[in-house]
């Protein structure tokens, strides 16, 4: 489950930061890697990253469902913490102005 949260976290960051990083000349972004290595258009690369995020959400939810009947209070707390981190990360991007001027610049 943790691995799927990591994948969601980092791929989501690459979606939010794409335009800023592209403008700054950064190349460590999954969307840019897909554009360059797979020769995808920007839209195709975004779509591929969205599919990747959705796949990881699906697996996370599947594993969460599998273990939910045998969870100790500590594990429940841990899973809740993972979900709070993801929600907080999402909120940060919309509450801060870090990417505001760049978000949606090309899409």
Foldseek 3Di string as FASTA:
>chain_A
DVVLLVLLLQLVVLLLCVQVCVVVVHQPHQLNCCCPVVVDDSVVSNVVSVVSNVVSVVVVVVVCVVCVVPDDPVVVVVVVVSVVVVVVSVVCSVVDCPRVVRNPPPD
